[in-house]
Amino acid sequence: MKLRAAPASPPDQDKARQKCLRLLTTRPRSRAELRQALHRNGFGQTIISRVLAGLEQAGLINDQEFARAWVASRRASGDGPRKLHWELRRKGVAESLIQRAISETADPEAEAQQALALASRRLRGELTAKELARLQRFLLGRGFHFRTVDTVLQHLSGGISS
């Protein structure tokens, strides 16, 4: 005798939908984040797929828009493209959507100006080799490309290579 799984009941589907809506009211989320949250709460794959499809159809889930909004928000707070890429990957956004969202706002000059402003604010006293190394670690940690960091450090040190 084979055991058959009970069909997904509408109350379970409603609970899953309500869970997603609560999560979406706090901040936008990727499809993968919602899938993980529902899975952690014990919902089955069938219910998860139905609920996410319904939310996507209603326009409440859109990974491309999520990635664009994430990039815009995080760039405004001073994060570089490498960090944004890593964060979006962690959130389960597809690689092609990540690339598109980051490239839409790519401006090497603006990125260098942003990195320079951040480094200038973080600068402590005299510009020694130790201070340049600290600033380099800081900017790389914020997700700026090596080339951008090198340009900023050369500018700060008066053109002398770090």
Protein backbone atom coordinates (compact mmCIF):
# COMPACT_ATOMS: atom_id res chain seq x y z
CA MET A 1 0.00 0.00 0.00
CA LYS A 2 1.46 3.33 -1.07
CA LEU A 3 0.93 6.43 0.97
CA ARG A 4 -0.26 9.37 -1.06
CA ALA A 5 0.51 12.90 -0.08
CA ALA A 6 -2.54 14.92 0.78
CA PRO A 7 -3.34 17.55 -1.82
CA ALA A 8 -2.34 21.08 -0.93
CA SER A 9 -5.20 22.62 0.94
CA PRO A 10 -6.21 26.21 0.27
CA PRO A 11 -5.65 27.18 3.94
CA ASP A 12 -2.00 26.12 3.67
CA GLN A 13 -1.63 28.06 0.46
CA ASP A 14 -3.25 31.09 2.08
CA LYS A 15 -0.88 30.83 5.05
CA ALA A 16 2.10 30.68 2.71
CA ARG A 17 0.84 33.67 0.73
CA GLN A 18 0.31 35.65 3.96
CA LYS A 19 3.84 34.77 5.08
CA CYS A 20 5.25 36.12 1.80
CA LEU A 21 3.17 39.28 1.99
CA ARG A 22 4.39 39.95 5.54
CA LEU A 23 7.98 39.49 4.40
CA LEU A 24 7.44 41.77 1.42
CA THR A 25 6.05 44.57 3.60
CA THR A 26 9.35 44.91 5.47
CA ARG A 27 11.50 45.13 2.32
CA PRO A 28 11.57 43.86 -1.26
CA ARG A 29 12.79 40.28 -1.57
CA SER A 30 14.00 38.01 -4.32
CA ARG A 31 12.08 34.93 -5.37
CA ALA A 32 14.79 32.72 -3.86
CA GLU A 33 14.59 34.50 -0.49
CA LEU A 34 10.84 33.91 -0.34
CA ARG A 35 11.27 30.29 -1.43
CA GLN A 36 13.79 29.73 1.37
CA ALA A 37 11.55 31.39 3.96
CA LEU A 38 8.57 29.25 2.99
CA HIS A 39 10.70 26.11 2.97
CA ARG A 40 12.03 26.94 6.47
CA ASN A 41 8.43 27.32 7.63
CA GLY A 42 7.61 23.80 6.48
CA PHE A 43 5.60 24.46 3.35
CA GLY A 44 5.82 21.87 0.57
CA GLN A 45 7.27 22.50 -2.87
CA THR A 46 3.86 22.43 -4.54
CA ILE A 47 2.48 25.16 -2.30
CA ILE A 48 5.66 27.20 -2.58
CA SER A 49 5.62 27.03 -6.37
CA ARG A 50 1.94 27.98 -6.59
CA VAL A 51 2.25 30.90 -4.16
CA LEU A 52 5.39 32.30 -5.79
CA ALA A 53 3.87 31.97 -9.26
CA GLY A 54 0.78 33.84 -8.09
CA LEU A 55 2.82 36.61 -6.48
CA GLU A 56 4.96 36.89 -9.60
CA GLN A 57 1.87 37.07 -11.80
CA ALA A 58 0.48 39.81 -9.55
CA GLY A 59 3.72 41.76 -9.96
CA LEU A 60 4.75 41.44 -6.31
CA ILE A 61 7.89 39.44 -7.12
CA ASN A 62 10.24 40.55 -9.87
CA ASP A 63 13.90 39.66 -9.49
CA GLN A 64 15.00 42.15 -12.16
CA GLU A 65 13.29 45.04 -10.37
CA PHE A 66 14.57 43.73 -7.04
CA ALA A 67 18.15 43.72 -8.38
CA ARG A 68 17.79 47.24 -9.80
CA ALA A 69 16.40 48.60 -6.55
CA TRP A 70 19.08 46.81 -4.51
CA VAL A 71 21.87 48.21 -6.69
CA ALA A 72 20.48 51.76 -6.55
CA SER A 73 20.05 51.63 -2.79
CA ARG A 74 23.41 50.09 -2.01
CA ARG A 75 25.32 52.32 -4.43
CA ALA A 76 23.82 55.32 -2.66
CA SER A 77 25.23 54.00 0.60
CA GLY A 78 28.71 53.71 -0.93
CA ASP A 79 29.03 50.09 -1.97
CA GLY A 80 30.99 49.12 -5.06
CA PRO A 81 29.94 46.76 -7.86
CA ARG A 82 31.81 43.71 -6.60
CA LYS A 83 30.03 43.82 -3.25
CA LEU A 84 26.67 44.36 -4.94
CA HIS A 85 27.30 41.37 -7.18
CA TRP A 86 28.15 39.16 -4.21
CA GLU A 87 25.11 40.31 -2.19
CA LEU A 88 22.69 39.68 -5.04
CA ARG A 89 24.17 36.23 -5.65
CA ARG A 90 23.64 35.44 -1.97
CA LYS A 91 20.02 36.50 -2.37
CA GLY A 92 19.53 34.01 -5.19
CA VAL A 93 19.24 36.44 -8.10
CA ALA A 94 20.23 35.00 -11.48
CA GLU A 95 23.66 35.97 -12.79
CA SER A 96 22.25 37.57 -15.95
CA LEU A 97 19.92 39.79 -13.90
CA ILE A 98 22.77 40.81 -11.61
CA GLN A 99 24.99 41.73 -14.54
CA ARG A 100 22.21 43.75 -16.14
CA ALA A 101 21.34 45.66 -12.95
CA ILE A 102 24.97 46.53 -12.22
CA SER A 103 25.83 47.46 -15.81
CA GLU A 104 22.79 49.77 -16.06
CA THR A 105 24.31 51.98 -13.37
CA ALA A 106 27.95 51.46 -14.28
CA ASP A 107 29.85 54.73 -14.45
CA PRO A 108 33.58 54.32 -13.83
CA GLU A 109 34.07 58.04 -13.23
CA ALA A 110 31.24 58.23 -10.69
CA GLU A 111 32.51 55.06 -9.03
CA ALA A 112 36.01 56.55 -8.70
CA GLN A 113 34.56 59.78 -7.27
CA GLN A 114 32.50 57.80 -4.77
CA ALA A 115 35.53 55.75 -3.72
CA LEU A 116 37.63 58.91 -3.39
CA ALA A 117 34.98 60.56 -1.21
CA LEU A 118 34.79 57.48 1.02
CA ALA A 119 38.57 57.23 1.31
CA SER A 120 38.88 60.95 2.07
CA ARG A 121 36.37 60.64 4.91
CA ARG A 122 38.20 57.59 6.31
CA LEU A 123 41.63 59.18 6.06
CA ARG A 124 43.34 59.44 9.46
CA GLY A 125 46.10 61.97 9.74
CA GLU A 126 49.27 61.58 7.72
CA LEU A 127 49.18 59.52 4.55
CA THR A 128 51.70 56.78 5.36
CA ALA A 129 52.16 53.41 3.68
CA LYS A 130 50.25 51.85 6.58
CA GLU A 131 47.37 54.31 6.09
CA LEU A 132 47.29 53.62 2.34
CA ALA A 133 47.10 49.87 3.05
CA ARG A 134 44.24 50.46 5.51
CA LEU A 135 42.36 52.57 2.96
CA GLN A 136 42.97 49.94 0.29
CA ARG A 137 41.48 47.20 2.50
CA PHE A 138 38.53 49.45 3.31
CA LEU A 139 37.72 50.25 -0.34
CA LEU A 140 38.18 46.67 -1.48
CA GLY A 141 35.90 45.57 1.34
CA ARG A 142 33.28 48.02 0.12
CA GLY A 143 33.36 46.23 -3.24
CA PHE A 144 35.29 48.60 -5.47
CA HIS A 145 37.38 47.14 -8.28
CA PHE A 146 41.15 46.92 -7.79
CA ARG A 147 41.69 49.35 -10.65
CA THR A 148 39.42 51.95 -9.03
CA VAL A 149 41.08 51.52 -5.64
CA ASP A 150 44.54 51.88 -7.17
CA THR A 151 43.48 55.07 -8.98
CA VAL A 152 42.06 56.57 -5.79
CA LEU A 153 45.13 55.71 -3.73
CA GLN A 154 47.43 57.17 -6.39
CA HIS A 155 45.35 60.34 -6.40
CA LEU A 156 45.49 60.61 -2.60
CA SER A 157 49.22 60.01 -2.48
CA GLY A 158 49.91 62.61 -5.17
CA GLY A 159 50.47 60.19 -7.99
CA ILE A 160 53.02 58.05 -6.19
CA SER A 161 52.21 54.38 -6.62
CA SER A 162 51.05 52.62 -3.47
